[in-house]
Amino acid sequence: RTDCDQDAIWIKVQTGGKGAACHTGMRSCFYRRVENSANGPVLVHDTEKPLFDPDIVYGDKPKA
C-alpha cells in the first residue's frame, strides 16, 4: 500500500531473528505518534521496549 501523496509505503512482512524491523531495536519504525495537547502537538513514544540494544548490534557506527 501507499499513502495519499505517495511519500510512504506500508509493507506487511514477517521478521526473523529478534523480531525487530527498526534499526533502533523497536518492532517497527512506527513506534511514535503525534497527539494534540493544550500546548499543541506532542510526539509520544509507545510504551513498547526495544527488542535489542542497537549499541551491541551496531557498535560505534553512526546512528541516523
Protein backbone atom coordinates (compact mmCIF):
# COMPACT_ATOMS: atom_id res chain seq x y z
CA ARG A 1 0.00 0.00 0.00
CA THR A 2 0.96 3.61 -0.40
CA ASP A 3 -0.41 6.74 1.21
CA CYS A 4 -2.39 9.52 -0.49
CA ASP A 5 0.60 11.59 -1.66
CA GLN A 6 2.79 8.54 -2.30
CA ASP A 7 5.64 9.52 0.04
CA ALA A 8 5.32 6.47 2.31
CA ILE A 9 4.62 2.81 1.76
CA TRP A 10 3.24 0.10 4.03
CA ILE A 11 4.56 -3.39 3.56
CA LYS A 12 3.43 -6.29 5.73
CA VAL A 13 6.25 -8.76 6.45
CA GLN A 14 7.25 -11.48 8.87
CA THR A 15 10.50 -10.67 10.66
CA GLY A 16 13.11 -13.18 11.73
CA GLY A 17 15.70 -13.07 14.49
CA LYS A 18 14.62 -10.90 17.41
CA GLY A 19 11.50 -9.72 15.54
CA ALA A 20 12.66 -6.11 15.23
CA ALA A 21 12.34 -4.28 11.91
CA CYS A 22 13.77 -0.91 13.02
CA HIS A 23 17.48 -0.13 13.43
CA THR A 24 16.60 1.36 16.84
CA GLY A 25 15.69 -2.11 18.12
CA MET A 26 11.94 -1.50 18.01
CA ARG A 27 9.50 -3.98 16.46
CA SER A 28 8.52 -1.32 13.88
CA CYS A 29 9.83 2.08 12.79
CA PHE A 30 6.38 3.46 13.63
CA TYR A 31 6.74 3.45 17.43
CA ARG A 32 5.91 7.17 17.87
CA ARG A 33 2.72 9.10 17.33
CA VAL A 34 1.63 12.73 17.43
CA GLU A 35 -1.04 13.66 19.96
CA ASN A 36 -2.73 17.01 20.42
CA SER A 37 -2.31 18.70 23.79
CA ALA A 38 -3.33 22.06 25.24
CA ASN A 39 0.13 23.36 24.22
CA GLY A 40 -0.03 21.96 20.69
CA PRO A 41 1.14 18.71 19.09
CA VAL A 42 3.33 16.40 21.19
CA LEU A 43 5.46 13.47 20.00
CA VAL A 44 4.63 10.41 22.13
CA HIS A 45 6.66 7.19 22.25
CA ASP A 46 4.75 3.94 22.61
CA THR A 47 5.43 2.01 25.82
CA GLU A 48 6.92 -0.90 23.88
CA LYS A 49 10.52 -1.69 24.84
CA PRO A 50 13.27 -2.26 22.25
CA LEU A 51 13.80 -5.91 21.28
CA PHE A 52 17.58 -5.46 21.03
CA ASP A 53 20.24 -2.93 22.03
CA PRO A 54 21.48 -1.11 18.89
CA ASP A 55 24.83 -0.32 20.56
CA ILE A 56 25.53 -4.04 20.98
CA VAL A 57 24.37 -4.92 17.46
CA TYR A 58 25.92 -2.00 15.54
CA GLY A 59 28.77 -0.99 17.85
CA ASP A 60 30.04 2.56 17.38
CA LYS A 61 28.67 3.05 13.86
CA PRO A 62 26.96 6.45 13.30
CA LYS A 63 23.24 6.46 14.08
CA ALA A 64 20.71 8.10 11.77
